[in-house]
Amino acid sequence: MNNNEQAANGNGAVAHDMVTTGFELDQFRIVKNLGVARGIIVRSRNIFGSIGAGLQTLVGGNITLYTNLCEQTRTHAFDLMCAHAGEMGANAIIGMRYDATEIMGGVTEVLAYGTAVVVEKR
């Protein structure tokens, strides 16, 4: 796969289907390791979301306001990681992981990271 093929989404970022939590991609071989690619987002809850989520805790079950916020935050961090890897010249990411840390009450950092690599078809 050459650089012209690397981004199916057309923005220079690594295509989502070229990201894996594993350490290899089926039908591809790694030809170059470019180092760690990362995407970091720091988010806080807004007062209205906190009130709504507080009300959901009274009923029990899935707190959808927080679920949606977490999903959006992870998606944003993932997209930033793919863009960073593309800037590094990668066309794939292996060993992808997420990490989250509460920085202070109501403020959380979400990090998506993995190894940016150049792969080619076997």
C-alpha atoms as a PDB file:
ATOM      1  CA  MET A   1       0.000   0.000   0.000  1.00  0.00           C
ATOM      2  CA  ASN A   2       1.491   3.346  -0.977  1.00  0.00           C
ATOM      3  CA  ASN A   3       0.876   6.799   0.498  1.00  0.00           C
ATOM      4  CA  ASN A   4      -1.816   7.505  -2.115  1.00  0.00           C
ATOM      5  CA  GLU A   5      -3.750   4.488  -0.854  1.00  0.00           C
ATOM      6  CA  GLN A   6      -3.246   5.151   2.850  1.00  0.00           C
ATOM      7  CA  ALA A   7      -6.343   7.202   3.593  1.00  0.00           C
ATOM      8  CA  ALA A   8      -9.619   5.917   2.342  1.00  0.00           C
ATOM      9  CA  ASN A   9     -11.270   8.884   4.038  1.00  0.00           C
ATOM     10  CA  GLY A  10      -9.287  11.361   1.917  1.00  0.00           C
ATOM     11  CA  ASN A  11      -7.977  13.582   4.711  1.00  0.00           C
ATOM     12  CA  GLY A  12      -4.499  12.081   5.105  1.00  0.00           C
ATOM     13  CA  ALA A  13      -5.442  10.211   8.272  1.00  0.00           C
ATOM     14  CA  VAL A  14      -5.038   6.469   8.666  1.00  0.00           C
ATOM     15  CA  ALA A  15      -8.254   4.731   7.588  1.00  0.00           C
ATOM     16  CA  HIS A  16     -10.226   3.280  10.504  1.00  0.00           C
ATOM     17  CA  ASP A  17     -10.118  -0.218   9.020  1.00  0.00           C
ATOM     18  CA  MET A  18      -6.305  -0.067   9.159  1.00  0.00           C
ATOM     19  CA  VAL A  19      -6.269   0.229  12.975  1.00  0.00           C
ATOM     20  CA  THR A  20      -6.067  -2.837  15.201  1.00  0.00           C
ATOM     21  CA  THR A  21      -5.546  -3.682  18.840  1.00  0.00           C
ATOM     22  CA  GLY A  22      -3.439  -6.596  17.625  1.00  0.00           C
ATOM     23  CA  PHE A  23       0.172  -6.404  16.580  1.00  0.00           C
ATOM     24  CA  GLU A  24      -0.303  -7.409  12.953  1.00  0.00           C
ATOM     25  CA  LEU A  25      -2.830  -6.888  10.186  1.00  0.00           C
ATOM     26  CA  ASP A  26      -4.032  -9.871   8.182  1.00  0.00           C
ATOM     27  CA  GLN A  27      -2.705  -9.905   4.617  1.00  0.00           C
ATOM     28  CA  PHE A  28      -0.204  -7.089   5.340  1.00  0.00           C
ATOM     29  CA  ARG A  29       3.394  -7.003   6.457  1.00  0.00           C
ATOM     30  CA  ILE A  30       4.954  -4.201   8.457  1.00  0.00           C
ATOM     31  CA  VAL A  31       7.774  -2.527   6.545  1.00  0.00           C
ATOM     32  CA  LYS A  32       8.454   0.427   8.841  1.00  0.00           C
ATOM     33  CA  ASN A  33       7.749   1.349  12.468  1.00  0.00           C
ATOM     34  CA  LEU A  34       7.241   5.110  12.891  1.00  0.00           C
ATOM     35  CA  GLY A  35       6.662   5.283  16.652  1.00  0.00           C
ATOM     36  CA  VAL A  36       3.726   6.162  18.866  1.00  0.00           C
ATOM     37  CA  ALA A  37       0.742   8.009  17.421  1.00  0.00           C
ATOM     38  CA  ARG A  38      -1.640   9.586  19.890  1.00  0.00           C
ATOM     39  CA  GLY A  39      -4.846  11.555  20.136  1.00  0.00           C
ATOM     40  CA  ILE A  40      -5.732  13.288  23.385  1.00  0.00           C
ATOM     41  CA  ILE A  41      -8.964  14.982  24.426  1.00  0.00           C
ATOM     42  CA  VAL A  42      -9.739  16.680  27.727  1.00  0.00           C
ATOM     43  CA  ARG A  43     -13.459  17.001  28.390  1.00  0.00           C
ATOM     44  CA  SER A  44     -15.583  18.322  31.198  1.00  0.00           C
ATOM     45  CA  ARG A  45     -19.213  17.708  31.997  1.00  0.00           C
ATOM     46  CA  ASN A  46     -21.530  20.652  31.628  1.00  0.00           C
ATOM     47  CA  ILE A  47     -23.949  21.551  34.403  1.00  0.00           C
ATOM     48  CA  PHE A  48     -27.034  20.529  32.402  1.00  0.00           C
ATOM     49  CA  GLY A  49     -25.552  17.136  31.541  1.00  0.00           C
ATOM     50  CA  SER A  50     -24.595  16.600  35.174  1.00  0.00           C
ATOM     51  CA  ILE A  51     -28.115  17.404  36.360  1.00  0.00           C
ATOM     52  CA  GLY A  52     -29.661  15.109  33.722  1.00  0.00           C
ATOM     53  CA  ALA A  53     -27.244  12.307  34.565  1.00  0.00           C
ATOM     54  CA  GLY A  54     -27.949  12.816  38.263  1.00  0.00           C
ATOM     55  CA  LEU A  55     -31.631  12.311  37.570  1.00  0.00           C
ATOM     56  CA  GLN A  56     -30.877   9.155  35.573  1.00  0.00           C
ATOM     57  CA  THR A  57     -28.986   7.707  38.557  1.00  0.00           C
ATOM     58  CA  LEU A  58     -32.220   7.861  40.568  1.00  0.00           C
ATOM     59  CA  VAL A  59     -33.842   5.433  38.126  1.00  0.00           C
ATOM     60  CA  GLY A  60     -30.779   3.204  37.783  1.00  0.00           C
ATOM     61  CA  GLY A  61     -29.375   1.451  34.741  1.00  0.00           C
ATOM     62  CA  ASN A  62     -27.363   2.916  31.903  1.00  0.00           C
ATOM     63  CA  ILE A  63     -26.677   6.646  32.291  1.00  0.00           C
ATOM     64  CA  THR A  64     -27.057   7.489  28.610  1.00  0.00           C
ATOM     65  CA  LEU A  65     -25.895  11.102  28.911  1.00  0.00           C
ATOM     66  CA  TYR A  66     -22.507   9.922  30.185  1.00  0.00           C
ATOM     67  CA  THR A  67     -22.419   6.975  27.791  1.00  0.00           C
ATOM     68  CA  ASN A  68     -22.894   9.336  24.844  1.00  0.00           C
ATOM     69  CA  LEU A  69     -20.292  11.790  26.177  1.00  0.00           C
ATOM     70  CA  CYS A  70     -17.765   8.965  26.630  1.00  0.00           C
ATOM     71  CA  GLU A  71     -18.437   7.563  23.157  1.00  0.00           C
ATOM     72  CA  GLN A  72     -18.056  10.988  21.523  1.00  0.00           C
ATOM     73  CA  THR A  73     -14.845  11.639  23.454  1.00  0.00           C
ATOM     74  CA  ARG A  74     -13.320   8.271  22.500  1.00  0.00           C
ATOM     75  CA  THR A  75     -14.294   8.803  18.860  1.00  0.00           C
ATOM     76  CA  HIS A  76     -12.664  12.237  18.838  1.00  0.00           C
ATOM     77  CA  ALA A  77      -9.465  10.894  20.455  1.00  0.00           C
ATOM     78  CA  PHE A  78      -9.416   7.980  17.968  1.00  0.00           C
ATOM     79  CA  ASP A  79      -9.786  10.342  14.990  1.00  0.00           C
ATOM     80  CA  LEU A  80      -6.972  12.561  16.303  1.00  0.00           C
ATOM     81  CA  MET A  81      -4.718   9.512  16.685  1.00  0.00           C
ATOM     82  CA  CYS A  82      -5.458   8.466  13.085  1.00  0.00           C
ATOM     83  CA  ALA A  83      -4.671  11.991  11.867  1.00  0.00           C
ATOM     84  CA  HIS A  84      -1.416  12.081  13.865  1.00  0.00           C
ATOM     85  CA  ALA A  85      -0.336   8.730  12.416  1.00  0.00           C
ATOM     86  CA  GLY A  86      -1.144   9.994   8.899  1.00  0.00           C
ATOM     87  CA  GLU A  87       1.005  13.083   9.524  1.00  0.00           C
ATOM     88  CA  MET A  88       3.840  10.740  10.525  1.00  0.00           C
ATOM     89  CA  GLY A  89       3.529   8.959   7.162  1.00  0.00           C
ATOM     90  CA  ALA A  90       1.800   5.826   8.468  1.00  0.00           C
ATOM     91  CA  ASN A  91      -0.886   3.884   6.661  1.00  0.00           C
ATOM     92  CA  ALA A  92      -1.802   1.675   9.648  1.00  0.00           C
ATOM     93  CA  ILE A  93      -1.795   1.594  13.443  1.00  0.00           C
ATOM     94  CA  ILE A  94      -1.152  -1.521  15.506  1.00  0.00           C
ATOM     95  CA  GLY A  95      -1.466  -2.120  19.245  1.00  0.00           C
ATOM     96  CA  MET A  96      -4.145   0.560  19.611  1.00  0.00           C
ATOM     97  CA  ARG A  97      -5.331   1.287  23.164  1.00  0.00           C
ATOM     98  CA  TYR A  98      -7.370   3.818  25.148  1.00  0.00           C
ATOM     99  CA  ASP A  99      -6.511   5.343  28.498  1.00  0.00           C
ATOM    100  CA  ALA A 100      -8.584   7.713  30.628  1.00  0.00           C
ATOM    101  CA  THR A 101      -7.548   9.780  33.634  1.00  0.00           C
ATOM    102  CA  GLU A 102      -9.607  12.092  35.788  1.00  0.00           C
ATOM    103  CA  ILE A 103      -7.595  15.306  35.994  1.00  0.00           C
ATOM    104  CA  MET A 104      -9.954  16.943  38.494  1.00  0.00           C
ATOM    105  CA  GLY A 105     -13.584  16.556  39.465  1.00  0.00           C
ATOM    106  CA  GLY A 106     -15.638  16.462  36.277  1.00  0.00           C
ATOM    107  CA  VAL A 107     -12.603  16.833  33.969  1.00  0.00           C
ATOM    108  CA  THR A 108     -11.290  13.735  32.213  1.00  0.00           C
ATOM    109  CA  GLU A 109      -8.464  13.127  29.764  1.00  0.00           C
ATOM    110  CA  VAL A 110      -8.983  10.419  27.156  1.00  0.00           C
ATOM    111  CA  LEU A 111      -5.957   9.200  25.237  1.00  0.00           C
ATOM    112  CA  ALA A 112      -6.028   6.948  22.170  1.00  0.00           C
ATOM    113  CA  TYR A 113      -2.607   5.604  21.226  1.00  0.00           C
ATOM    114  CA  GLY A 114      -0.918   2.966  19.139  1.00  0.00           C
ATOM    115  CA  THR A 115       2.123   2.257  17.017  1.00  0.00           C
ATOM    116  CA  ALA A 116       2.120   4.042  13.664  1.00  0.00           C
ATOM    117  CA  VAL A 117       3.432   1.741  10.940  1.00  0.00           C
ATOM    118  CA  VAL A 118       3.789   1.497   7.198  1.00  0.00           C
ATOM    119  CA  VAL A 119       2.395  -1.749   5.827  1.00  0.00           C
ATOM    120  CA  GLU A 120       2.189  -3.315   2.394  1.00  0.00           C
ATOM    121  CA  LYS A 121       0.094  -6.138   0.991  1.00  0.00           C
ATOM    122  CA  ARG A 122       1.678  -9.582   1.217  1.00  0.00           C
END
